[in-house]
Amino acid sequence: EIHDAFSVCELMAVEDLSLAKKNTGASYVRNLFNTENRKINPRGGLIGAGHPLGATGIAQIVEITQQLQNKAEKRQISNAKKGLIHNMSAAATSSTVLVLES
């Protein structure tokens, strides 16, 4: 789950987390969308699922926990063993990253 309350946040995050090389975040995310690879933000991200201030991080933790417990139903990523939660606050001046594994 990558913080994407604003589209540009996801692009910056995939680059900063080294999921994509610098200046390739947009093409990386576009490829995930076009191939229907939902390994990042399988519930639709914050734009798709909502961004309840103060509860966003909890919702992200719930999603990753459900993925690791194989309880995410239609959103389930097969064989999920590790999950990353990335959240931003204070106008993107502060970030938190958690890694959970089963």
PDB file of N, CA and C in Angstrom:
ATOM      1  N   GLU A   1       0.851  -1.172   0.000  1.00  0.00           N
ATOM      2  CA  GLU A   1       0.000   0.000   0.000  1.00  0.00           C
ATOM      3  C   GLU A   1       0.892   1.230   0.000  1.00  0.00           C
ATOM      4  N   ILE A   2       0.815   1.984  -1.066  1.00  0.00           N
ATOM      5  CA  ILE A   2       1.605   3.207  -1.190  1.00  0.00           C
ATOM      6  C   ILE A   2       0.667   4.399  -1.087  1.00  0.00           C
ATOM      7  N   HIS A   3       1.087   5.397  -0.332  1.00  0.00           N
ATOM      8  CA  HIS A   3       0.289   6.607  -0.137  1.00  0.00           C
ATOM      9  C   HIS A   3       0.115   7.307  -1.481  1.00  0.00           C
ATOM     10  N   ASP A   4      -1.121   7.395  -1.921  1.00  0.00           N
ATOM     11  CA  ASP A   4      -1.400   8.033  -3.205  1.00  0.00           C
ATOM     12  C   ASP A   4      -2.619   8.949  -3.123  1.00  0.00           C
ATOM     13  N   ALA A   5      -2.724   9.690  -2.044  1.00  0.00           N
ATOM     14  CA  ALA A   5      -3.856  10.606  -1.901  1.00  0.00           C
ATOM     15  C   ALA A   5      -3.885  11.611  -3.052  1.00  0.00           C
ATOM     16  N   PHE A   6      -2.741  11.871  -3.620  1.00  0.00           N
ATOM     17  CA  PHE A   6      -2.597  12.702  -4.812  1.00  0.00           C
ATOM     18  C   PHE A   6      -1.760  11.886  -5.784  1.00  0.00           C
ATOM     19  N   SER A   7      -2.107  11.883  -7.045  1.00  0.00           N
ATOM     20  CA  SER A   7      -1.445  11.020  -8.024  1.00  0.00           C
ATOM     21  C   SER A   7       0.070  11.126  -7.987  1.00  0.00           C
ATOM     22  N   VAL A   8       0.587  12.327  -7.847  1.00  0.00           N
ATOM     23  CA  VAL A   8       2.036  12.515  -7.861  1.00  0.00           C
ATOM     24  C   VAL A   8       2.711  11.813  -6.687  1.00  0.00           C
ATOM     25  N   CYS A   9       2.002  11.633  -5.582  1.00  0.00           N
ATOM     26  CA  CYS A   9       2.585  10.959  -4.409  1.00  0.00           C
ATOM     27  C   CYS A   9       2.988   9.532  -4.739  1.00  0.00           C
ATOM     28  N   GLU A  10       2.161   8.817  -5.480  1.00  0.00           N
ATOM     29  CA  GLU A  10       2.492   7.436  -5.828  1.00  0.00           C
ATOM     30  C   GLU A  10       3.720   7.388  -6.725  1.00  0.00           C
ATOM     31  N   LEU A  11       3.799   8.303  -7.671  1.00  0.00           N
ATOM     32  CA  LEU A  11       4.952   8.329  -8.576  1.00  0.00           C
ATOM     33  C   LEU A  11       6.241   8.589  -7.807  1.00  0.00           C
ATOM     34  N   MET A  12       6.204   9.551  -6.902  1.00  0.00           N
ATOM     35  CA  MET A  12       7.388   9.845  -6.087  1.00  0.00           C
ATOM     36  C   MET A  12       7.734   8.665  -5.194  1.00  0.00           C
ATOM     37  N   ALA A  13       6.736   8.036  -4.611  1.00  0.00           N
ATOM     38  CA  ALA A  13       6.977   6.947  -3.661  1.00  0.00           C
ATOM     39  C   ALA A  13       7.608   5.737  -4.335  1.00  0.00           C
ATOM     40  N   VAL A  14       7.121   5.336  -5.513  1.00  0.00           N
ATOM     41  CA  VAL A  14       7.707   4.152  -6.151  1.00  0.00           C
ATOM     42  C   VAL A  14       9.166   4.388  -6.507  1.00  0.00           C
ATOM     43  N   GLU A  15       9.515   5.635  -6.796  1.00  0.00           N
ATOM     44  CA  GLU A  15      10.921   5.959  -7.060  1.00  0.00           C
ATOM     45  C   GLU A  15      11.717   6.002  -5.761  1.00  0.00           C
ATOM     46  N   ASP A  16      11.201   6.668  -4.748  1.00  0.00           N
ATOM     47  CA  ASP A  16      11.916   6.795  -3.471  1.00  0.00           C
ATOM     48  C   ASP A  16      12.086   5.450  -2.768  1.00  0.00           C
ATOM     49  N   LEU A  17      11.155   4.532  -2.976  1.00  0.00           N
ATOM     50  CA  LEU A  17      11.243   3.199  -2.374  1.00  0.00           C
ATOM     51  C   LEU A  17      12.048   2.228  -3.243  1.00  0.00           C
ATOM     52  N   SER A  18      12.621   2.745  -4.328  1.00  0.00           N
ATOM     53  CA  SER A  18      13.439   1.962  -5.277  1.00  0.00           C
ATOM     54  C   SER A  18      12.657   0.847  -5.971  1.00  0.00           C
ATOM     55  N   LEU A  19      11.344   1.029  -6.102  1.00  0.00           N
ATOM     56  CA  LEU A  19      10.555   0.096  -6.902  1.00  0.00           C
ATOM     57  C   LEU A  19      10.701   0.440  -8.379  1.00  0.00           C
ATOM     58  N   ALA A  20      10.975   1.710  -8.656  1.00  0.00           N
ATOM     59  CA  ALA A  20      11.207   2.192 -10.014  1.00  0.00           C
ATOM     60  C   ALA A  20      12.425   3.106  -9.990  1.00  0.00           C
ATOM     61  N   LYS A  21      13.126   3.160 -11.104  1.00  0.00           N
ATOM     62  CA  LYS A  21      14.280   4.060 -11.209  1.00  0.00           C
ATOM     63  C   LYS A  21      13.794   5.506 -11.245  1.00  0.00           C
ATOM     64  N   LYS A  22      14.675   6.412 -10.873  1.00  0.00           N
ATOM     65  CA  LYS A  22      14.336   7.840 -10.902  1.00  0.00           C
ATOM     66  C   LYS A  22      13.826   8.235 -12.287  1.00  0.00           C
ATOM     67  N   ASN A  23      12.817   9.065 -12.296  1.00  0.00           N
ATOM     68  CA  ASN A  23      12.182   9.589 -13.507  1.00  0.00           C
ATOM     69  C   ASN A  23      11.432   8.533 -14.325  1.00  0.00           C
ATOM     70  N   THR A  24      11.174   7.359 -13.735  1.00  0.00           N
ATOM     71  CA  THR A  24      10.395   6.334 -14.443  1.00  0.00           C
ATOM     72  C   THR A  24       9.140   5.943 -13.666  1.00  0.00           C
ATOM     73  N   GLY A  25       8.832   6.669 -12.612  1.00  0.00           N
ATOM     74  CA  GLY A  25       7.678   6.327 -11.781  1.00  0.00           C
ATOM     75  C   GLY A  25       6.374   6.297 -12.554  1.00  0.00           C
ATOM     76  N   ALA A  26       6.177   7.275 -13.436  1.00  0.00           N
ATOM     77  CA  ALA A  26       4.921   7.339 -14.195  1.00  0.00           C
ATOM     78  C   ALA A  26       4.772   6.127 -15.106  1.00  0.00           C
ATOM     79  N   SER A  27       5.819   5.764 -15.834  1.00  0.00           N
ATOM     80  CA  SER A  27       5.717   4.608 -16.729  1.00  0.00           C
ATOM     81  C   SER A  27       5.585   3.311 -15.930  1.00  0.00           C
ATOM     82  N   TYR A  28       6.229   3.241 -14.767  1.00  0.00           N
ATOM     83  CA  TYR A  28       6.120   2.061 -13.908  1.00  0.00           C
ATOM     84  C   TYR A  28       4.669   1.865 -13.452  1.00  0.00           C
ATOM     85  N   VAL A  29       4.062   2.919 -12.946  1.00  0.00           N
ATOM     86  CA  VAL A  29       2.673   2.836 -12.469  1.00  0.00           C
ATOM     87  C   VAL A  29       1.724   2.586 -13.639  1.00  0.00           C
ATOM     88  N   ARG A  30       1.960   3.234 -14.771  1.00  0.00           N
ATOM     89  CA  ARG A  30       1.112   3.032 -15.954  1.00  0.00           C
ATOM     90  C   ARG A  30       1.156   1.561 -16.386  1.00  0.00           C
ATOM     91  N   ASN A  31       2.340   0.960 -16.372  1.00  0.00           N
ATOM     92  CA  ASN A  31       2.475  -0.446 -16.750  1.00  0.00           C
ATOM     93  C   ASN A  31       1.699  -1.345 -15.789  1.00  0.00           C
ATOM     94  N   LEU A  32       1.777  -1.063 -14.488  1.00  0.00           N
ATOM     95  CA  LEU A  32       1.012  -1.854 -13.519  1.00  0.00           C
ATOM     96  C   LEU A  32      -0.479  -1.761 -13.810  1.00  0.00           C
ATOM     97  N   PHE A  33      -0.941  -0.553 -14.135  1.00  0.00           N
ATOM     98  CA  PHE A  33      -2.360  -0.347 -14.425  1.00  0.00           C
ATOM     99  C   PHE A  33      -2.760  -1.067 -15.711  1.00  0.00           C
ATOM    100  N   ASN A  34      -1.966  -0.897 -16.761  1.00  0.00           N
ATOM    101  CA  ASN A  34      -2.300  -1.482 -18.065  1.00  0.00           C
ATOM    102  C   ASN A  34      -2.274  -3.006 -18.054  1.00  0.00           C
ATOM    103  N   THR A  35      -1.432  -3.595 -17.228  1.00  0.00           N
ATOM    104  CA  THR A  35      -1.346  -5.059 -17.169  1.00  0.00           C
ATOM    105  C   THR A  35      -2.244  -5.626 -16.072  1.00  0.00           C
ATOM    106  N   GLU A  36      -2.976  -4.744 -15.398  1.00  0.00           N
ATOM    107  CA  GLU A  36      -3.850  -5.125 -14.282  1.00  0.00           C
ATOM    108  C   GLU A  36      -3.080  -5.852 -13.184  1.00  0.00           C
ATOM    109  N   ASN A  37      -1.821  -5.483 -13.013  1.00  0.00           N
ATOM    110  CA  ASN A  37      -0.985  -6.009 -11.933  1.00  0.00           C
ATOM    111  C   ASN A  37      -1.301  -5.181 -10.701  1.00  0.00           C
ATOM    112  N   ARG A  38      -2.029  -5.754  -9.771  1.00  0.00           N
ATOM    113  CA  ARG A  38      -2.503  -5.002  -8.609  1.00  0.00           C
ATOM    114  C   ARG A  38      -1.658  -5.259  -7.361  1.00  0.00           C
ATOM    115  N   LYS A  39      -0.374  -5.549  -7.544  1.00  0.00           N
ATOM    116  CA  LYS A  39       0.474  -5.802  -6.385  1.00  0.00           C
ATOM    117  C   LYS A  39       0.723  -4.536  -5.579  1.00  0.00           C
ATOM    118  N   ILE A  40       0.526  -3.386  -6.178  1.00  0.00           N
ATOM    119  CA  ILE A  40       0.607  -2.119  -5.448  1.00  0.00           C
ATOM    120  C   ILE A  40      -0.815  -1.583  -5.350  1.00  0.00           C
ATOM    121  N   ASN A  41      -1.248  -1.315  -4.130  1.00  0.00           N
ATOM    122  CA  ASN A  41      -2.585  -0.768  -3.877  1.00  0.00           C
ATOM    123  C   ASN A  41      -3.712  -1.628  -4.467  1.00  0.00           C
ATOM    124  N   PRO A  42      -3.785  -2.902  -4.073  1.00  0.00           N
ATOM    125  CA  PRO A  42      -4.823  -3.770  -4.632  1.00  0.00           C
ATOM    126  C   PRO A  42      -6.247  -3.332  -4.309  1.00  0.00           C
ATOM    127  N   ARG A  43      -6.443  -2.519  -3.278  1.00  0.00           N
ATOM    128  CA  ARG A  43      -7.805  -2.065  -2.952  1.00  0.00           C
ATOM    129  C   ARG A  43      -8.135  -0.743  -3.637  1.00  0.00           C
ATOM    130  N   GLY A  44      -7.234  -0.275  -4.489  1.00  0.00           N
ATOM    131  CA  GLY A  44      -7.479   0.961  -5.222  1.00  0.00           C
ATOM    132  C   GLY A  44      -6.703   2.143  -4.695  1.00  0.00           C
ATOM    133  N   GLY A  45      -5.905   1.941  -3.671  1.00  0.00           N
ATOM    134  CA  GLY A  45      -5.138   3.041  -3.094  1.00  0.00           C
ATOM    135  C   GLY A  45      -6.043   4.027  -2.377  1.00  0.00           C
ATOM    136  N   LEU A  46      -5.472   5.115  -1.956  1.00  0.00           N
ATOM    137  CA  LEU A  46      -6.238   6.120  -1.215  1.00  0.00           C
ATOM    138  C   LEU A  46      -7.204   6.864  -2.122  1.00  0.00           C
ATOM    139  N   ILE A  47      -6.836   7.026  -3.375  1.00  0.00           N
ATOM    140  CA  ILE A  47      -7.746   7.688  -4.307  1.00  0.00           C
ATOM    141  C   ILE A  47      -8.969   6.807  -4.542  1.00  0.00           C
ATOM    142  N   GLY A  48      -8.763   5.506  -4.686  1.00  0.00           N
ATOM    143  CA  GLY A  48      -9.859   4.587  -4.977  1.00  0.00           C
ATOM    144  C   GLY A  48     -10.671   4.166  -3.770  1.00  0.00           C
ATOM    145  N   ALA A  49     -10.006   3.997  -2.629  1.00  0.00           N
ATOM    146  CA  ALA A  49     -10.688   3.468  -1.446  1.00  0.00           C
ATOM    147  C   ALA A  49     -11.054   4.540  -0.430  1.00  0.00           C
ATOM    148  N   GLY A  50     -10.498   5.719  -0.587  1.00  0.00           N
ATOM    149  CA  GLY A  50     -10.774   6.798   0.354  1.00  0.00           C
ATOM    150  C   GLY A  50      -9.568   7.129   1.211  1.00  0.00           C
ATOM    151  N   HIS A  51      -9.552   8.345   1.708  1.00  0.00           N
ATOM    152  CA  HIS A  51      -8.420   8.856   2.487  1.00  0.00           C
ATOM    153  C   HIS A  51      -8.959   9.521   3.757  1.00  0.00           C
ATOM    154  N   PRO A  52      -9.451   8.700   4.699  1.00  0.00           N
ATOM    155  CA  PRO A  52      -9.979   9.273   5.942  1.00  0.00           C
ATOM    156  C   PRO A  52      -8.830   9.751   6.834  1.00  0.00           C
ATOM    157  N   LEU A  53      -8.640  11.041   6.893  1.00  0.00           N
ATOM    158  CA  LEU A  53      -7.530  11.591   7.675  1.00  0.00           C
ATOM    159  C   LEU A  53      -7.529  11.007   9.078  1.00  0.00           C
ATOM    160  N   GLY A  54      -6.380  10.576   9.515  1.00  0.00           N
ATOM    161  CA  GLY A  54      -6.247   9.985  10.835  1.00  0.00           C
ATOM    162  C   GLY A  54      -6.462   8.487  10.846  1.00  0.00           C
ATOM    163  N   ALA A  55      -7.167   7.964   9.849  1.00  0.00           N
ATOM    164  CA  ALA A  55      -7.428   6.523   9.801  1.00  0.00           C
ATOM    165  C   ALA A  55      -6.778   5.857   8.592  1.00  0.00           C
ATOM    166  N   THR A  56      -6.147   6.641   7.749  1.00  0.00           N
ATOM    167  CA  THR A  56      -5.550   6.105   6.531  1.00  0.00           C
ATOM    168  C   THR A  56      -4.547   5.004   6.828  1.00  0.00           C
ATOM    169  N   GLY A  57      -3.634   5.250   7.749  1.00  0.00           N
ATOM    170  CA  GLY A  57      -2.616   4.257   8.084  1.00  0.00           C
ATOM    171  C   GLY A  57      -3.215   2.968   8.606  1.00  0.00           C
ATOM    172  N   ILE A  58      -4.252   3.087   9.414  1.00  0.00           N
ATOM    173  CA  ILE A  58      -4.921   1.893   9.948  1.00  0.00           C
ATOM    174  C   ILE A  58      -5.543   1.096   8.807  1.00  0.00           C
ATOM    175  N   ALA A  59      -6.194   1.778   7.870  1.00  0.00           N
ATOM    176  CA  ALA A  59      -6.804   1.092   6.728  1.00  0.00           C
ATOM    177  C   ALA A  59      -5.739   0.380   5.897  1.00  0.00           C
ATOM    178  N   GLN A  60      -4.580   1.003   5.740  1.00  0.00           N
ATOM    179  CA  GLN A  60      -3.496   0.369   4.993  1.00  0.00           C
ATOM    180  C   GLN A  60      -2.990  -0.881   5.724  1.00  0.00           C
ATOM    181  N   ILE A  61      -2.851  -0.799   7.029  1.00  0.00           N
ATOM    182  CA  ILE A  61      -2.397  -1.951   7.819  1.00  0.00           C
ATOM    183  C   ILE A  61      -3.410  -3.085   7.730  1.00  0.00           C
ATOM    184  N   VAL A  62      -4.694  -2.754   7.795  1.00  0.00           N
ATOM    185  CA  VAL A  62      -5.737  -3.777   7.675  1.00  0.00           C
ATOM    186  C   VAL A  62      -5.627  -4.471   6.318  1.00  0.00           C
ATOM    187  N   GLU A  63      -5.456  -3.700   5.252  1.00  0.00           N
ATOM    188  CA  GLU A  63      -5.347  -4.300   3.914  1.00  0.00           C
ATOM    189  C   GLU A  63      -4.172  -5.260   3.832  1.00  0.00           C
ATOM    190  N   ILE A  64      -3.007  -4.842   4.288  1.00  0.00           N
ATOM    191  CA  ILE A  64      -1.829  -5.709   4.203  1.00  0.00           C
ATOM    192  C   ILE A  64      -1.994  -6.931   5.105  1.00  0.00           C
ATOM    193  N   THR A  65      -2.567  -6.750   6.275  1.00  0.00           N
ATOM    194  CA  THR A  65      -2.806  -7.887   7.169  1.00  0.00           C
ATOM    195  C   THR A  65      -3.748  -8.892   6.504  1.00  0.00           C
ATOM    196  N   GLN A  66      -4.810  -8.408   5.873  1.00  0.00           N
ATOM    197  CA  GLN A  66      -5.730  -9.306   5.170  1.00  0.00           C
ATOM    198  C   GLN A  66      -5.021 -10.029   4.026  1.00  0.00           C
ATOM    199  N   GLN A  67      -4.163  -9.319   3.319  1.00  0.00           N
ATOM    200  CA  GLN A  67      -3.402  -9.956   2.237  1.00  0.00           C
ATOM    201  C   GLN A  67      -2.539 -11.090   2.784  1.00  0.00           C
ATOM    202  N   LEU A  68      -1.832 -10.831   3.875  1.00  0.00           N
ATOM    203  CA  LEU A  68      -0.922 -11.831   4.444  1.00  0.00           C
ATOM    204  C   LEU A  68      -1.670 -13.008   5.062  1.00  0.00           C
ATOM    205  N   GLN A  69      -2.906 -12.780   5.484  1.00  0.00           N
ATOM    206  CA  GLN A  69      -3.731 -13.854   6.051  1.00  0.00           C
ATOM    207  C   GLN A  69      -4.589 -14.541   4.989  1.00  0.00           C
ATOM    208  N   ASN A  70      -4.399 -14.148   3.733  1.00  0.00           N
ATOM    209  CA  ASN A  70      -5.163 -14.709   2.617  1.00  0.00           C
ATOM    210  C   ASN A  70      -6.666 -14.476   2.793  1.00  0.00           C
ATOM    211  N   LYS A  71      -7.027 -13.289   3.295  1.00  0.00           N
ATOM    212  CA  LYS A  71      -8.427 -12.942   3.546  1.00  0.00           C
ATOM    213  C   LYS A  71      -8.875 -11.698   2.777  1.00  0.00           C
ATOM    214  N   ALA A  72      -8.169 -11.358   1.706  1.00  0.00           N
ATOM    215  CA  ALA A  72      -8.485 -10.135   0.971  1.00  0.00           C
ATOM    216  C   ALA A  72      -9.502 -10.350  -0.149  1.00  0.00           C
ATOM    217  N   GLU A  73     -10.074 -11.523  -0.215  1.00  0.00           N
ATOM    218  CA  GLU A  73     -11.129 -11.859  -1.169  1.00  0.00           C
ATOM    219  C   GLU A  73     -10.734 -11.522  -2.602  1.00  0.00           C
ATOM    220  N   LYS A  74     -11.527 -10.743  -3.326  1.00  0.00           N
ATOM    221  CA  LYS A  74     -11.259 -10.458  -4.743  1.00  0.00           C
ATOM    222  C   LYS A  74      -9.961  -9.681  -4.962  1.00  0.00           C
ATOM    223  N   ARG A  75      -9.466  -9.026  -3.932  1.00  0.00           N
ATOM    224  CA  ARG A  75      -8.233  -8.242  -4.056  1.00  0.00           C
ATOM    225  C   ARG A  75      -6.989  -9.075  -3.755  1.00  0.00           C
ATOM    226  N   GLN A  76      -7.165 -10.331  -3.389  1.00  0.00           N
ATOM    227  CA  GLN A  76      -6.061 -11.152  -2.898  1.00  0.00           C
ATOM    228  C   GLN A  76      -4.930 -11.280  -3.917  1.00  0.00           C
ATOM    229  N   ILE A  77      -3.730 -10.994  -3.462  1.00  0.00           N
ATOM    230  CA  ILE A  77      -2.514 -11.233  -4.234  1.00  0.00           C
ATOM    231  C   ILE A  77      -2.057 -12.642  -3.869  1.00  0.00           C
ATOM    232  N   SER A  78      -1.948 -13.510  -4.856  1.00  0.00           N
ATOM    233  CA  SER A  78      -1.610 -14.903  -4.547  1.00  0.00           C
ATOM    234  C   SER A  78      -0.212 -15.013  -3.949  1.00  0.00           C
ATOM    235  N   ASN A  79      -0.109 -15.868  -2.960  1.00  0.00           N
ATOM    236  CA  ASN A  79       1.153 -16.158  -2.270  1.00  0.00           C
ATOM    237  C   ASN A  79       1.792 -14.939  -1.611  1.00  0.00           C
ATOM    238  N   ALA A  80       0.998 -14.015  -1.119  1.00  0.00           N
ATOM    239  CA  ALA A  80       1.549 -12.830  -0.444  1.00  0.00           C
ATOM    240  C   ALA A  80       2.273 -13.262   0.828  1.00  0.00           C
ATOM    241  N   LYS A  81       3.533 -12.904   0.933  1.00  0.00           N
ATOM    242  CA  LYS A  81       4.351 -13.252   2.106  1.00  0.00           C
ATOM    243  C   LYS A  81       4.847 -12.014   2.841  1.00  0.00           C
ATOM    244  N   LYS A  82       5.015 -10.912   2.106  1.00  0.00           N
ATOM    245  CA  LYS A  82       5.466  -9.650   2.693  1.00  0.00           C
ATOM    246  C   LYS A  82       4.596  -8.532   2.151  1.00  0.00           C
ATOM    247  N   GLY A  83       4.399  -7.517   2.974  1.00  0.00           N
ATOM    248  CA  GLY A  83       3.630  -6.359   2.545  1.00  0.00           C
ATOM    249  C   GLY A  83       4.264  -5.086   3.052  1.00  0.00           C
ATOM    250  N   LEU A  84       4.233  -4.063   2.234  1.00  0.00           N
ATOM    251  CA  LEU A  84       4.811  -2.769   2.576  1.00  0.00           C
ATOM    252  C   LEU A  84       3.690  -1.750   2.720  1.00  0.00           C
ATOM    253  N   ILE A  85       3.776  -0.956   3.756  1.00  0.00           N
ATOM    254  CA  ILE A  85       2.828   0.133   3.988  1.00  0.00           C
ATOM    255  C   ILE A  85       3.623   1.425   3.988  1.00  0.00           C
ATOM    256  N   HIS A  86       3.220   2.352   3.127  1.00  0.00           N
ATOM    257  CA  HIS A  86       3.890   3.649   3.032  1.00  0.00           C
ATOM    258  C   HIS A  86       2.835   4.723   3.248  1.00  0.00           C
ATOM    259  N   ASN A  87       3.071   5.592   4.205  1.00  0.00           N
ATOM    260  CA  ASN A  87       2.113   6.647   4.507  1.00  0.00           C
ATOM    261  C   ASN A  87       2.848   7.965   4.649  1.00  0.00           C
ATOM    262  N   MET A  88       2.199   9.030   4.243  1.00  0.00           N
ATOM    263  CA  MET A  88       2.754  10.381   4.360  1.00  0.00           C
ATOM    264  C   MET A  88       1.838  11.228   5.222  1.00  0.00           C
ATOM    265  N   SER A  89       2.426  12.220   5.852  1.00  0.00           N
ATOM    266  CA  SER A  89       1.628  13.167   6.633  1.00  0.00           C
ATOM    267  C   SER A  89       2.279  14.536   6.569  1.00  0.00           C
ATOM    268  N   ALA A  90       1.618  15.495   7.157  1.00  0.00           N
ATOM    269  CA  ALA A  90       2.131  16.870   7.245  1.00  0.00           C
ATOM    270  C   ALA A  90       2.548  17.395   5.878  1.00  0.00           C
ATOM    271  N   ALA A  91       1.615  17.352   4.934  1.00  0.00           N
ATOM    272  CA  ALA A  91       1.846  17.858   3.576  1.00  0.00           C
ATOM    273  C   ALA A  91       3.062  17.198   2.936  1.00  0.00           C
ATOM    274  N   ALA A  92       3.182  15.895   3.131  1.00  0.00           N
ATOM    275  CA  ALA A  92       4.257  15.076   2.559  1.00  0.00           C
ATOM    276  C   ALA A  92       5.641  15.436   3.092  1.00  0.00           C
ATOM    277  N   THR A  93       5.702  16.014   4.280  1.00  0.00           N
ATOM    278  CA  THR A  93       7.006  16.314   4.880  1.00  0.00           C
ATOM    279  C   THR A  93       7.455  15.206   5.818  1.00  0.00           C
ATOM    280  N   SER A  94       6.584  14.231   6.064  1.00  0.00           N
ATOM    281  CA  SER A  94       6.899  13.126   6.961  1.00  0.00           C
ATOM    282  C   SER A  94       6.361  11.834   6.355  1.00  0.00           C
ATOM    283  N   SER A  95       7.181  10.792   6.361  1.00  0.00           N
ATOM    284  CA  SER A  95       6.756   9.499   5.828  1.00  0.00           C
ATOM    285  C   SER A  95       7.015   8.399   6.842  1.00  0.00           C
ATOM    286  N   THR A  96       6.183   7.383   6.794  1.00  0.00           N
ATOM    287  CA  THR A  96       6.351   6.190   7.618  1.00  0.00           C
ATOM    288  C   THR A  96       6.257   4.986   6.698  1.00  0.00           C
ATOM    289  N   VAL A  97       7.156   4.036   6.886  1.00  0.00           N
ATOM    290  CA  VAL A  97       7.135   2.807   6.105  1.00  0.00           C
ATOM    291  C   VAL A  97       7.180   1.628   7.068  1.00  0.00           C
ATOM    292  N   LEU A  98       6.253   0.707   6.895  1.00  0.00           N
ATOM    293  CA  LEU A  98       6.227  -0.534   7.673  1.00  0.00           C
ATOM    294  C   LEU A  98       6.322  -1.704   6.705  1.00  0.00           C
ATOM    295  N   VAL A  99       7.024  -2.744   7.107  1.00  0.00           N
ATOM    296  CA  VAL A  99       7.062  -3.981   6.337  1.00  0.00           C
ATOM    297  C   VAL A  99       6.532  -5.082   7.241  1.00  0.00           C
ATOM    298  N   LEU A 100       5.486  -5.751   6.781  1.00  0.00           N
ATOM    299  CA  LEU A 100       4.890  -6.858   7.524  1.00  0.00           C
ATOM    300  C   LEU A 100       5.140  -8.137   6.741  1.00  0.00           C
ATOM    301  N   GLU A 101       5.309  -9.242   7.447  1.00  0.00           N
ATOM    302  CA  GLU A 101       5.447 -10.520   6.754  1.00  0.00           C
ATOM    303  C   GLU A 101       4.771 -11.624   7.539  1.00  0.00           C
ATOM    304  N   SER A 102       4.379 -12.643   6.802  1.00  0.00           N
ATOM    305  CA  SER A 102       3.683 -13.759   7.449  1.00  0.00           C
ATOM    306  C   SER A 102       4.654 -14.874   7.768  1.00  0.00           C
TER     307      SER A 102
END
